[in-house]
Amino acid sequence: MELSNGLTLSLSSRAMRYPLTKYCSASSHMVPMIIQAPRHDCGICEFTIQPGEEPYVLHCGCTHHLHFLMNELEILAECPLCKEELVRFDVLILTAVRQFQAEQEMSSSS
């Protein structure tokens, strides 16, 4: 990723899941600046993940729409794109997100 000052910042695709904050010195104050992450294409549907849509970057580095992964969670054993086996961390996170979403839906319908 090339920054506005000409420096190049190298980050793993896993690190790009979260917005990055860079601090610069401006008149003796540390001023946070958001560095825009590059656009991601879903490895399942191949469309660009738009603002407001929820991406998820698997441990292998492949990015997918979260809802596609959630729909296939019961049978998902590997990344749909690169076929690398899912790590336990990804399964736990996706399971927790699905449970949270189900609880949110139940509480909003009450």
Protein backbone atom coordinates (compact mmCIF):
# COMPACT_ATOMS: atom_id res chain seq x y z
CA MET A 1 0.00 0.00 0.00
CA GLU A 2 1.49 3.34 -0.96
CA LEU A 3 0.95 6.19 1.47
CA SER A 4 0.44 9.82 0.49
CA ASN A 5 4.00 10.68 1.51
CA GLY A 6 5.45 8.13 -0.92
CA LEU A 7 6.29 5.49 1.68
CA THR A 8 5.14 1.95 1.13
CA LEU A 9 3.37 0.08 3.93
CA SER A 10 3.33 -3.70 3.73
CA LEU A 11 0.64 -5.52 5.70
CA SER A 12 -0.66 -9.05 5.64
CA SER A 13 -4.15 -9.51 4.24
CA ARG A 14 -5.28 -10.64 7.70
CA ALA A 15 -4.19 -7.29 9.15
CA MET A 16 -6.21 -5.47 6.49
CA ARG A 17 -9.44 -6.72 8.07
CA TYR A 18 -9.47 -3.75 10.40
CA PRO A 19 -9.14 -0.03 9.63
CA LEU A 20 -5.65 1.21 10.24
CA THR A 21 -4.72 4.31 12.13
CA LYS A 22 -1.47 6.13 11.49
CA TYR A 23 -0.28 8.88 13.80
CA CYS A 24 1.52 11.93 12.51
CA SER A 25 2.96 14.87 14.35
CA ALA A 26 1.14 18.13 13.70
CA SER A 27 2.24 21.07 15.82
CA SER A 28 3.23 18.88 18.78
CA HIS A 29 -0.07 16.93 18.78
CA MET A 30 -0.43 13.36 17.66
CA VAL A 31 -3.15 13.41 15.01
CA PRO A 32 -4.73 10.11 13.96
CA MET A 33 -5.28 9.56 10.24
CA ILE A 34 -7.27 6.66 8.84
CA ILE A 35 -5.48 4.76 6.10
CA GLN A 36 -8.00 3.31 3.68
CA ALA A 37 -7.72 -0.43 3.21
CA PRO A 38 -7.73 -1.61 -0.40
CA ARG A 39 -10.98 -2.83 -1.86
CA HIS A 40 -11.77 -6.50 -1.41
CA ASP A 41 -13.50 -8.84 -3.81
CA CYS A 42 -15.51 -11.72 -2.37
CA GLY A 43 -13.87 -15.04 -3.19
CA ILE A 44 -17.26 -16.71 -3.47
CA CYS A 45 -19.42 -14.36 -5.57
CA GLU A 46 -16.45 -12.37 -7.00
CA PHE A 47 -18.22 -9.02 -6.49
CA THR A 48 -16.47 -6.15 -4.75
CA ILE A 49 -17.47 -5.94 -1.10
CA GLN A 50 -19.24 -2.60 -0.82
CA PRO A 51 -19.27 -0.19 2.14
CA GLY A 52 -21.90 -1.38 4.59
CA GLU A 53 -21.44 -5.03 3.60
CA GLU A 54 -19.62 -7.27 6.04
CA PRO A 55 -16.39 -8.87 4.78
CA TYR A 56 -14.56 -11.60 6.64
CA VAL A 57 -10.91 -12.46 6.01
CA LEU A 58 -10.15 -16.10 6.74
CA HIS A 59 -6.83 -17.15 8.26
CA CYS A 60 -5.65 -18.16 4.77
CA GLY A 61 -6.03 -14.51 3.68
CA CYS A 62 -9.03 -14.97 1.38
CA THR A 63 -11.85 -12.43 1.80
CA HIS A 64 -15.52 -13.37 1.53
CA HIS A 65 -18.89 -11.80 2.29
CA LEU A 66 -19.65 -12.78 5.87
CA HIS A 67 -23.19 -13.90 4.99
CA PHE A 68 -21.91 -16.48 2.48
CA LEU A 69 -19.65 -18.03 5.11
CA MET A 70 -22.45 -17.98 7.69
CA ASN A 71 -24.83 -19.77 5.30
CA GLU A 72 -22.30 -22.57 4.74
CA LEU A 73 -20.90 -22.81 8.27
CA GLU A 74 -22.39 -26.25 9.03
CA ILE A 75 -20.61 -27.86 6.06
CA LEU A 76 -17.65 -25.50 5.67
CA ALA A 77 -14.35 -27.32 6.22
CA GLU A 78 -12.09 -25.34 3.91
CA CYS A 79 -11.83 -21.94 2.27
CA PRO A 80 -14.22 -21.86 -0.70
CA LEU A 81 -11.56 -20.12 -2.81
CA CYS A 82 -8.11 -21.57 -2.04
CA LYS A 83 -9.33 -24.81 -0.42
CA GLU A 84 -7.04 -24.36 2.62
CA GLU A 85 -8.47 -26.07 5.70
CA LEU A 86 -10.26 -23.69 8.07
CA VAL A 87 -8.47 -23.06 11.33
CA ARG A 88 -10.29 -23.45 14.63
CA PHE A 89 -10.09 -19.68 15.26
CA ASP A 90 -12.16 -18.91 12.14
CA VAL A 91 -14.75 -21.55 13.03
CA LEU A 92 -15.08 -20.18 16.58
CA ILE A 93 -15.42 -16.57 15.40
CA LEU A 94 -17.97 -17.43 12.70
CA THR A 95 -19.97 -19.55 15.16
CA ALA A 96 -19.96 -16.73 17.73
CA VAL A 97 -21.07 -14.19 15.11
CA ARG A 98 -23.89 -16.46 13.97
CA GLN A 99 -25.04 -16.99 17.56
CA PHE A 100 -24.90 -13.23 18.24
CA GLN A 101 -26.94 -12.48 15.11
CA ALA A 102 -29.55 -15.08 16.09
CA GLU A 103 -29.83 -13.57 19.57
CA GLN A 104 -30.20 -10.09 18.07
CA GLU A 105 -32.99 -11.28 15.78
CA MET A 106 -34.79 -13.00 18.66
CA SER A 107 -34.58 -9.94 20.91
CA SER A 108 -35.76 -7.58 18.16
CA SER A 109 -38.78 -9.77 17.37
CA SER A 110 -39.86 -9.89 21.04
